[in-house]
Amino acid sequence: MPRRFFSRFSRRFDPKKKQLWYLRPFEFLLTHPVYFSANRRSVSGGVALGLFFGLLPIPGQTALAIIGALLLRVNLPLAALSVWVSNPLTFLPLFYFAYRIGAILVGIPVEPVPPEGALAWLTHEIRPLIYGSLLMATSAASIAYLTISTVWHVLTLRRYRSRHKKLSAAN
């Protein structure tokens, strides 16, 4: 079941299909099977990597997730898509929550954002934001990796046992 679901995303990147002109320099990557494979390690690693970079307050999150996916050999499209957990709608609540977590970690009181001079406030309060974001990104990536890996394993065992029951009942 999980393999069929994630294989639908990978079918678009057929190695026999001729690539567009602007993708030809990257053809060696697009034809490599590991970057678009749908196995437990690749899928859970891709989602975890994308969540990790998506919850950090840094520019170029998608590019960093793609580079990380290439280096770690995990599912490239899922790493690039799961970065968008921090989209324009969820950006402010996520990073305010990260700031509050970081303020608790550092041991400083949470200060409200002043209406004027928000940039000066942000540069003064950047340390709690970074600490909170790192903790939140690491936690979310670890939980996502373990959850996806465990669910994949359980579904595979269930499918195996069901198939084994059918074979033993037929004999």
Protein backbone atom coordinates (compact mmCIF):
# COMPACT_ATOMS: atom_id res chain seq x y z
CA MET A 1 0.00 0.00 0.00
CA PRO A 2 2.59 2.68 0.89
CA ARG A 3 4.81 1.69 -2.03
CA ARG A 4 1.93 1.99 -4.50
CA PHE A 5 0.97 5.39 -3.09
CA PHE A 6 4.47 6.86 -3.32
CA SER A 7 5.26 5.19 -6.64
CA ARG A 8 2.66 7.37 -8.31
CA PHE A 9 4.88 10.38 -7.65
CA SER A 10 7.94 8.63 -9.03
CA ARG A 11 6.43 7.47 -12.32
CA ARG A 12 6.79 10.92 -13.80
CA PHE A 13 10.57 10.56 -13.70
CA ASP A 14 10.90 7.69 -16.15
CA PRO A 15 14.57 7.09 -16.99
CA LYS A 16 13.68 6.12 -20.58
CA LYS A 17 11.78 9.35 -21.17
CA LYS A 18 13.70 12.10 -22.94
CA GLN A 19 14.27 15.03 -20.57
CA LEU A 20 13.53 18.66 -21.37
CA TRP A 21 16.45 20.81 -22.56
CA TYR A 22 16.92 22.60 -19.24
CA LEU A 23 16.98 19.30 -17.33
CA ARG A 24 19.65 17.66 -19.52
CA PRO A 25 22.58 18.75 -17.28
CA PHE A 26 20.86 16.95 -14.40
CA GLU A 27 19.97 13.84 -16.39
CA PHE A 28 22.39 11.67 -14.42
CA LEU A 29 20.45 12.57 -11.27
CA LEU A 30 16.99 12.23 -12.75
CA THR A 31 17.74 8.77 -14.09
CA HIS A 32 19.26 7.48 -10.85
CA PRO A 33 16.67 5.18 -9.26
CA VAL A 34 17.47 5.91 -5.62
CA TYR A 35 16.29 9.52 -5.68
CA PHE A 36 12.77 8.56 -6.77
CA SER A 37 12.42 5.17 -5.16
CA ALA A 38 9.51 4.32 -2.90
CA ASN A 39 10.99 2.23 -0.14
CA ARG A 40 10.77 2.65 3.61
CA ARG A 41 14.18 4.24 4.14
CA SER A 42 13.95 6.60 1.18
CA VAL A 43 10.43 7.86 1.88
CA SER A 44 10.84 8.33 5.62
CA GLY A 45 14.24 9.96 5.13
CA GLY A 46 12.91 12.34 2.48
CA VAL A 47 10.00 13.48 4.62
CA ALA A 48 12.20 13.87 7.71
CA LEU A 49 14.82 15.85 5.81
CA GLY A 50 12.21 18.16 4.31
CA LEU A 51 10.57 18.74 7.68
CA PHE A 52 13.92 19.50 9.27
CA PHE A 53 14.82 22.18 6.74
CA GLY A 54 11.23 23.44 6.55
CA LEU A 55 11.13 24.26 10.25
CA LEU A 56 14.37 26.24 10.26
CA PRO A 57 14.18 30.03 9.78
CA ILE A 58 16.65 30.12 6.89
CA PRO A 59 16.32 31.18 3.26
CA GLY A 60 16.54 28.58 0.51
CA GLN A 61 14.91 25.75 2.44
CA THR A 62 13.87 23.83 -0.67
CA ALA A 63 17.32 24.07 -2.24
CA LEU A 64 18.95 22.88 0.98
CA ALA A 65 16.51 19.97 1.22
CA ILE A 66 17.27 18.97 -2.37
CA ILE A 67 21.02 19.12 -1.75
CA GLY A 68 20.56 17.12 1.45
CA ALA A 69 18.45 14.54 -0.38
CA LEU A 70 21.14 14.17 -3.01
CA LEU A 71 23.83 13.70 -0.37
CA LEU A 72 21.81 11.32 1.82
CA ARG A 73 20.25 9.46 -1.14
CA VAL A 74 16.65 9.77 -0.01
CA ASN A 75 13.45 10.49 -1.95
CA LEU A 76 14.02 13.81 -3.69
CA PRO A 77 10.43 14.90 -4.47
CA LEU A 78 9.23 14.17 -0.94
CA ALA A 79 12.14 16.10 0.57
CA ALA A 80 11.34 19.10 -1.64
CA LEU A 81 7.59 18.93 -0.96
CA SER A 82 7.71 18.43 2.78
CA VAL A 83 9.72 21.64 3.17
CA TRP A 84 6.49 23.47 2.50
CA VAL A 85 5.17 22.67 5.97
CA SER A 86 6.26 26.25 6.66
CA ASN A 87 4.32 27.95 3.90
CA PRO A 88 3.18 31.59 3.92
CA LEU A 89 0.09 30.65 5.96
CA THR A 90 1.91 28.71 8.68
CA PHE A 91 5.16 30.69 8.76
CA LEU A 92 4.29 33.12 11.56
CA PRO A 93 2.60 30.67 13.96
CA LEU A 94 5.38 28.09 13.57
CA PHE A 95 8.21 30.50 14.18
CA TYR A 96 6.44 32.27 17.03
CA PHE A 97 5.97 28.87 18.66
CA ALA A 98 9.66 28.15 18.04
CA TYR A 99 10.56 31.50 19.60
CA ARG A 100 8.52 30.68 22.70
CA ILE A 101 10.18 27.28 23.03
CA GLY A 102 13.60 28.89 22.60
CA ALA A 103 12.82 31.54 25.19
CA ILE A 104 11.98 28.81 27.68
CA LEU A 105 15.21 26.99 26.79
CA VAL A 106 17.37 30.10 27.14
CA GLY A 107 15.51 31.20 30.26
CA ILE A 108 14.44 34.66 29.16
CA PRO A 109 10.96 36.12 29.39
CA VAL A 110 8.88 36.12 26.22
CA GLU A 111 8.63 39.66 24.91
CA PRO A 112 5.76 40.77 22.67
CA VAL A 113 6.59 42.09 19.23
CA PRO A 114 6.53 45.90 19.24
CA PRO A 115 4.42 47.46 16.48
CA GLU A 116 7.32 49.65 15.34
CA GLY A 117 10.84 48.39 14.93
CA ALA A 118 10.04 44.73 14.42
CA LEU A 119 13.40 44.20 12.69
CA ALA A 120 15.32 45.52 15.70
CA TRP A 121 13.27 43.26 17.97
CA LEU A 122 13.98 40.27 15.74
CA THR A 123 17.74 40.83 15.73
CA HIS A 124 17.67 41.13 19.52
CA GLU A 125 15.53 38.01 19.97
CA ILE A 126 17.18 35.80 17.32
CA ARG A 127 18.92 33.41 19.73
CA PRO A 128 15.70 31.98 21.25
CA LEU A 129 14.23 31.66 17.75
CA ILE A 130 17.23 29.65 16.53
CA TYR A 131 17.30 27.38 19.57
CA GLY A 132 13.58 26.78 19.45
CA SER A 133 13.62 26.15 15.71
CA LEU A 134 16.47 23.65 16.02
CA LEU A 135 14.67 21.78 18.78
CA MET A 136 11.36 21.82 16.91
CA ALA A 137 12.95 20.79 13.58
CA THR A 138 14.93 17.94 15.13
CA SER A 139 11.92 16.68 17.07
CA ALA A 140 9.54 16.86 14.11
CA ALA A 141 12.02 15.18 11.76
CA SER A 142 12.73 12.38 14.23
CA ILE A 143 9.05 11.78 14.96
CA ALA A 144 8.20 11.81 11.24
CA TYR A 145 11.00 9.38 10.40
CA LEU A 146 10.05 6.95 13.16
CA THR A 147 6.32 7.21 12.47
CA ILE A 148 6.58 6.66 8.72
CA SER A 149 9.09 3.86 9.15
CA THR A 150 6.96 2.11 11.78
CA VAL A 151 3.70 2.46 9.84
CA TRP A 152 5.42 1.21 6.68
CA HIS A 153 6.81 -1.79 8.58
CA VAL A 154 3.46 -2.64 10.18
CA LEU A 155 1.61 -2.40 6.85
CA THR A 156 4.22 -4.60 5.19
CA LEU A 157 3.91 -7.21 7.94
CA ARG A 158 0.13 -7.12 7.72
CA ARG A 159 0.24 -7.58 3.96
CA TYR A 160 2.73 -10.44 4.32
CA ARG A 161 0.62 -12.20 6.95
CA SER A 162 -2.54 -11.78 4.90
CA ARG A 163 -0.82 -13.24 1.85
CA HIS A 164 0.58 -16.09 3.94
CA LYS A 165 -2.89 -16.89 5.32
CA LYS A 166 -4.35 -17.02 1.82
CA LEU A 167 -1.61 -19.37 0.66
CA SER A 168 -1.97 -21.66 3.66
CA ALA A 169 -5.78 -21.71 3.30
CA ALA A 170 -5.46 -22.64 -0.38
CA ASN A 171 -3.29 -25.66 0.48
